[in-house]
């Protein structure tokens, strides 16, 4: 949905603009978002192959095999990014949510809580911890449906909480807090007060929710002209929590300047596999 090539194409064939995004932070950080044509994509009910990388649902876990090259600004040398990631849900949520009255944009939090196991060969790092995975789909361009949104997810002692809010393309506002039980079943709960956050380095407006109306940015992992991802500390429903927070400005994304910049971070692979 952030592909400049897909936008330029008129959005006629989404399968022709497929990629696996890998974002690794820290001293051995890597960034991968290489777009591939439909000839490099295979899929069935439980498998998705994009170029040399592969995602498979085996009935109990999402297994991601990564074989990519990274992309750095102004550096033609693309380092190998190779390894495996397993996402093992603690529980699965069957319900999806519409983000607009016309239901043009649907969000589905499939695993509010999960265990994540990472074994990378290149760079040679490994770890395990708590995680999450969700899914978005839509029938119109994201920049038509929204001007800005803020999202955050926090693990609780039992279950998890997701807060979603923003401004739609027509100027209407939306906001909700959804608490997922240990069984993955969602329940819409009262919204905690707004906690304003400092703008990102690219001056993106950031916002979250906290029971005490205050939250702290521990680290900002991703800071781009239209998107920021951060780690926060706040309080939700009587618990001190560590949250992942995202802010997205689709007005920035749609600007000609950002569209010109994106291919430097999101290369497109033109070759098609034979056979």
Protein backbone atom coordinates (compact mmCIF):
# COMPACT_ATOMS: atom_id res chain seq x y z
CA UNK A 1 0.00 0.00 0.00
CA UNK A 2 3.04 2.29 0.26
CA UNK A 3 4.48 1.33 -3.12
CA UNK A 4 5.23 4.34 -5.36
CA UNK A 5 5.25 1.97 -8.36
CA UNK A 6 1.77 0.67 -7.51
CA UNK A 7 0.50 4.22 -7.17
CA UNK A 8 1.98 5.23 -10.54
CA UNK A 9 0.54 2.13 -12.22
CA UNK A 10 -3.01 3.18 -11.39
CA UNK A 11 -3.31 0.33 -8.86
CA UNK A 12 -4.58 -2.15 -11.43
CA UNK A 13 -2.75 -5.32 -10.35
CA UNK A 14 -1.71 -5.47 -6.68
CA UNK A 15 -0.05 -8.88 -7.10
CA UNK A 16 2.43 -7.23 -9.48
CA UNK A 17 3.69 -5.09 -6.57
CA UNK A 18 4.54 -7.59 -3.84
CA UNK A 19 7.28 -7.41 -1.24
CA UNK A 20 8.45 -8.69 2.11
CA UNK A 21 9.35 -5.85 4.48
CA UNK A 22 12.07 -6.60 7.05
CA UNK A 23 13.04 -3.90 9.55
CA UNK A 24 15.85 -4.71 12.00
CA UNK A 25 17.01 -2.03 14.43
CA UNK A 26 20.20 -1.61 16.41
CA UNK A 27 23.92 -2.01 15.59
CA UNK A 28 23.23 -4.80 13.05
CA UNK A 29 20.19 -3.06 11.61
CA UNK A 30 18.87 -3.90 8.15
CA UNK A 31 16.06 -2.54 5.98
CA UNK A 32 14.45 -4.65 3.26
CA UNK A 33 11.49 -3.70 1.06
CA UNK A 34 12.22 -4.93 -2.46
CA UNK A 35 9.18 -4.99 -4.69
CA UNK A 36 8.75 -7.92 -7.08
CA UNK A 37 6.49 -8.51 -10.11
CA UNK A 38 3.69 -11.07 -10.20
CA UNK A 39 5.93 -13.57 -12.03
CA UNK A 40 7.96 -13.82 -8.81
CA UNK A 41 4.94 -14.49 -6.60
CA UNK A 42 3.27 -17.83 -5.77
CA UNK A 43 0.49 -18.37 -3.25
CA UNK A 44 -2.06 -20.84 -1.99
CA UNK A 45 -4.17 -21.20 1.15
CA UNK A 46 -1.23 -21.52 3.55
CA UNK A 47 1.83 -20.34 1.56
CA UNK A 48 3.11 -17.11 0.08
CA UNK A 49 6.37 -17.01 -1.87
CA UNK A 50 7.78 -13.62 -2.90
CA UNK A 51 11.00 -14.04 -4.85
CA UNK A 52 13.41 -16.12 -2.72
CA UNK A 53 11.50 -15.45 0.52
CA UNK A 54 8.62 -17.57 1.80
CA UNK A 55 5.83 -17.23 4.38
CA UNK A 56 3.92 -20.31 5.54
CA UNK A 57 1.10 -20.91 8.03
CA UNK A 58 1.56 -24.45 9.36
CA UNK A 59 -1.59 -24.51 11.48
CA UNK A 60 0.15 -23.45 14.68
CA UNK A 61 2.66 -20.79 13.68
CA UNK A 62 3.52 -18.33 10.94
CA UNK A 63 6.96 -19.29 9.62
CA UNK A 64 8.85 -16.63 7.65
CA UNK A 65 11.94 -17.60 5.64
CA UNK A 66 13.90 -14.48 4.69
CA UNK A 67 16.39 -14.39 1.80
CA UNK A 68 16.80 -10.76 0.74
CA UNK A 69 19.22 -7.89 0.24
CA UNK A 70 18.99 -4.65 2.17
CA UNK A 71 18.77 -1.12 0.83
CA UNK A 72 20.67 1.89 2.16
CA UNK A 73 20.51 5.46 0.93
CA UNK A 74 23.39 6.46 -1.34
CA UNK A 75 25.09 3.07 -0.90
CA UNK A 76 24.96 0.66 -3.86
CA UNK A 77 26.26 -2.31 -1.81
CA UNK A 78 23.28 -4.40 -0.71
CA UNK A 79 23.99 -6.69 2.21
CA UNK A 80 22.44 -10.15 2.52
CA UNK A 81 19.55 -10.51 4.97
CA UNK A 82 18.85 -14.18 5.67
CA UNK A 83 17.15 -16.16 8.40
CA UNK A 84 13.91 -17.45 9.86
CA UNK A 85 11.19 -15.94 12.04
CA UNK A 86 8.43 -17.93 13.76
CA UNK A 87 5.33 -16.19 15.12
CA UNK A 88 3.40 -18.50 17.46
CA UNK A 89 0.02 -17.05 18.51
CA UNK A 90 -1.08 -17.43 22.10
CA UNK A 91 -4.65 -17.13 20.82
CA UNK A 92 -6.36 -16.23 17.53
CA UNK A 93 -9.01 -13.55 17.14
CA UNK A 94 -11.72 -14.31 14.54
CA UNK A 95 -13.19 -10.78 14.36
CA UNK A 96 -12.21 -7.96 12.00
CA UNK A 97 -13.10 -4.26 12.28
CA UNK A 98 -14.10 -1.64 9.72
CA UNK A 99 -12.22 1.65 10.06
CA UNK A 100 -14.77 3.66 8.09
CA UNK A 101 -18.59 3.62 7.71
CA UNK A 102 -18.42 2.40 4.08
CA UNK A 103 -16.15 -0.50 5.14
CA UNK A 104 -13.54 0.38 2.53
CA UNK A 105 -10.78 -0.27 5.07
CA UNK A 106 -10.72 -3.38 7.27
CA UNK A 107 -8.35 -4.18 10.12
CA UNK A 108 -7.98 -7.67 11.56
CA UNK A 109 -5.82 -8.30 14.61
CA UNK A 110 -5.28 -12.02 14.13
CA UNK A 111 -2.96 -12.61 17.10
CA UNK A 112 -3.16 -9.95 19.86
CA UNK A 113 -0.37 -11.81 21.66
CA UNK A 114 2.25 -14.13 20.23
CA UNK A 115 5.67 -15.57 20.91
CA UNK A 116 8.29 -14.60 18.34
CA UNK A 117 11.46 -16.62 17.68
CA UNK A 118 14.13 -15.08 15.44
CA UNK A 119 17.15 -16.97 14.05
CA UNK A 120 19.10 -14.87 11.56
CA UNK A 121 22.10 -16.19 9.66
CA UNK A 122 23.07 -12.82 8.18
CA UNK A 123 23.39 -10.74 10.28
CA UNK A 124 24.13 -13.48 12.81
CA UNK A 125 21.69 -12.57 15.58
CA UNK A 126 18.91 -14.42 17.39
CA UNK A 127 16.38 -13.67 20.06
CA UNK A 128 12.87 -14.51 21.24
CA UNK A 129 10.15 -12.52 22.93
CA UNK A 130 6.57 -11.33 22.81
CA UNK A 131 4.90 -10.13 19.62
CA UNK A 132 1.73 -9.57 17.63
CA UNK A 133 0.45 -9.77 14.08
CA UNK A 134 -2.41 -8.17 12.22
CA UNK A 135 -3.73 -7.60 8.71
CA UNK A 136 -5.15 -4.63 6.80
CA UNK A 137 -7.07 -4.69 3.55
CA UNK A 138 -9.00 -2.07 1.59
CA UNK A 139 -10.89 -1.27 -1.58
CA UNK A 140 -9.57 2.27 -2.06
CA UNK A 141 -6.16 3.97 -1.73
CA UNK A 142 -5.17 4.56 1.86
CA UNK A 143 -4.56 8.27 1.23
CA UNK A 144 -8.16 8.63 0.02
CA UNK A 145 -9.53 7.08 3.18
CA UNK A 146 -7.33 8.78 5.80
CA UNK A 147 -5.38 11.93 6.49
CA UNK A 148 -3.62 10.74 9.63
CA UNK A 149 -3.84 7.90 12.12
CA UNK A 150 -2.28 6.82 15.39
CA UNK A 151 -2.11 3.20 16.53
CA UNK A 152 -0.64 1.55 19.60
CA UNK A 153 -0.53 -1.94 21.07
CA UNK A 154 0.44 -2.98 24.60
CA UNK A 155 0.64 -6.38 26.23
CA UNK A 156 -1.18 -6.58 29.56
CA UNK A 157 -0.75 -9.12 32.34
CA UNK A 158 -3.58 -10.95 30.60
CA UNK A 159 -4.29 -10.21 26.95
CA UNK A 160 -3.50 -6.98 25.12
CA UNK A 161 -4.90 -3.54 24.31
CA UNK A 162 -4.94 -1.82 20.92
CA UNK A 163 -5.83 1.86 20.54
CA UNK A 164 -6.70 3.17 17.06
CA UNK A 165 -7.61 6.76 16.18
CA UNK A 166 -7.25 9.34 13.45
CA UNK A 167 -8.88 11.55 10.85
CA UNK A 168 -10.53 10.11 7.77
CA UNK A 169 -10.28 11.61 4.31
CA UNK A 170 -13.66 13.32 4.70
CA UNK A 171 -12.54 15.04 7.90
CA UNK A 172 -14.47 12.81 10.30
CA UNK A 173 -12.68 11.51 13.38
CA UNK A 174 -12.53 7.97 14.73
CA UNK A 175 -11.13 6.51 17.95
CA UNK A 176 -11.46 3.20 19.76
CA UNK A 177 -9.74 1.07 22.37
CA UNK A 178 -10.04 -2.69 22.06
CA UNK A 179 -9.02 -5.05 24.84
CA UNK A 180 -8.27 -8.64 23.88
CA UNK A 181 -8.59 -11.31 26.53
CA UNK A 182 -6.18 -14.18 27.01
CA UNK A 183 -8.44 -16.17 24.67
CA UNK A 184 -8.01 -13.53 21.91
CA UNK A 185 -11.65 -12.40 22.03
CA UNK A 186 -11.97 -8.60 21.61
CA UNK A 187 -14.02 -6.23 23.73
CA UNK A 188 -14.35 -2.50 22.99
CA UNK A 189 -13.56 -0.57 26.19
CA UNK A 190 -13.56 3.07 27.26
CA UNK A 191 -10.84 5.21 25.73
CA UNK A 192 -8.13 6.41 28.12
CA UNK A 193 -7.24 10.13 27.94
CA UNK A 194 -5.13 11.47 25.07
CA UNK A 195 -1.40 11.66 25.75
CA UNK A 196 0.42 13.98 23.37
CA UNK A 197 3.90 12.94 22.33
CA UNK A 198 6.76 15.05 20.94
CA UNK A 199 6.82 15.26 17.16
CA UNK A 200 9.20 12.90 15.39
CA UNK A 201 12.46 14.04 13.83
CA UNK A 202 10.56 14.53 10.55
CA UNK A 203 7.95 16.55 12.48
CA UNK A 204 5.24 13.89 12.28
CA UNK A 205 2.49 14.47 14.84
CA UNK A 206 2.36 11.63 17.36
CA UNK A 207 -0.35 10.73 19.87
CA UNK A 208 -1.26 7.85 22.12
CA UNK A 209 -3.58 7.01 25.01
CA UNK A 210 -2.68 6.71 28.68
CA UNK A 211 -4.75 6.45 31.82
CA UNK A 212 -2.69 9.20 33.42
CA UNK A 213 -2.71 11.37 30.28
CA UNK A 214 1.06 11.14 30.02
CA UNK A 215 3.35 8.79 28.06
CA UNK A 216 7.08 8.69 27.44
CA UNK A 217 8.87 7.90 24.19
CA UNK A 218 11.57 5.40 25.11
CA UNK A 219 12.92 4.93 21.59
CA UNK A 220 11.93 5.88 18.07
CA UNK A 221 12.73 2.97 15.77
CA UNK A 222 11.40 4.32 12.48
CA UNK A 223 11.43 8.01 11.59
CA UNK A 224 10.47 8.82 7.98
CA UNK A 225 8.80 11.80 6.26
CA UNK A 226 5.34 10.20 6.60
CA UNK A 227 5.63 7.47 9.24
CA UNK A 228 7.06 7.00 12.74
CA UNK A 229 7.25 3.88 14.92
CA UNK A 230 8.20 4.17 18.58
CA UNK A 231 8.41 2.34 21.90
CA UNK A 232 6.47 4.01 24.73
CA UNK A 233 5.94 3.65 28.44
CA UNK A 234 2.46 4.51 29.68
CA UNK A 235 -0.36 3.30 31.89
CA UNK A 236 -3.49 1.48 30.73
CA UNK A 237 -6.35 0.19 32.90
CA UNK A 238 -4.31 0.23 36.08
CA UNK A 239 -1.15 -1.37 34.65
CA UNK A 240 2.19 0.14 33.72
CA UNK A 241 2.84 -0.98 30.15
CA UNK A 242 5.40 -0.87 27.39
CA UNK A 243 3.66 -0.10 24.09
CA UNK A 244 4.52 -0.02 20.41
CA UNK A 245 3.11 3.11 18.75
CA UNK A 246 2.77 4.19 15.12
CA UNK A 247 1.76 7.50 13.54
CA UNK A 248 1.04 7.77 9.83
CA UNK A 249 0.46 10.96 7.81
CA UNK A 250 -1.05 10.08 4.43
CA UNK A 251 -1.00 13.71 3.31
CA UNK A 252 2.79 13.55 3.52
CA UNK A 253 2.84 10.16 1.77
CA UNK A 254 0.87 11.51 -1.20
CA UNK A 255 3.12 14.55 -1.69
CA UNK A 256 5.25 14.60 -4.89
CA UNK A 257 8.44 15.03 -2.83
CA UNK A 258 7.86 11.85 -0.79
CA UNK A 259 6.79 9.91 -3.89
CA UNK A 260 10.08 10.92 -5.51
CA UNK A 261 12.08 9.79 -2.45
CA UNK A 262 10.43 6.40 -1.89
CA UNK A 263 12.18 4.41 -4.67
CA UNK A 264 15.52 5.09 -2.97
CA UNK A 265 14.31 2.99 -0.05
CA UNK A 266 11.98 0.64 -1.96
CA UNK A 267 13.72 -0.74 -5.06
CA UNK A 268 11.76 -2.76 -7.61
CA UNK A 269 13.10 -6.06 -8.96
CA UNK A 270 12.46 -6.22 -12.70
CA UNK A 271 13.68 -9.75 -13.37
CA UNK A 272 11.21 -12.59 -13.49
CA UNK A 273 12.06 -16.17 -12.65
CA UNK A 274 12.15 -18.66 -15.49
CA UNK A 275 10.39 -21.98 -15.43
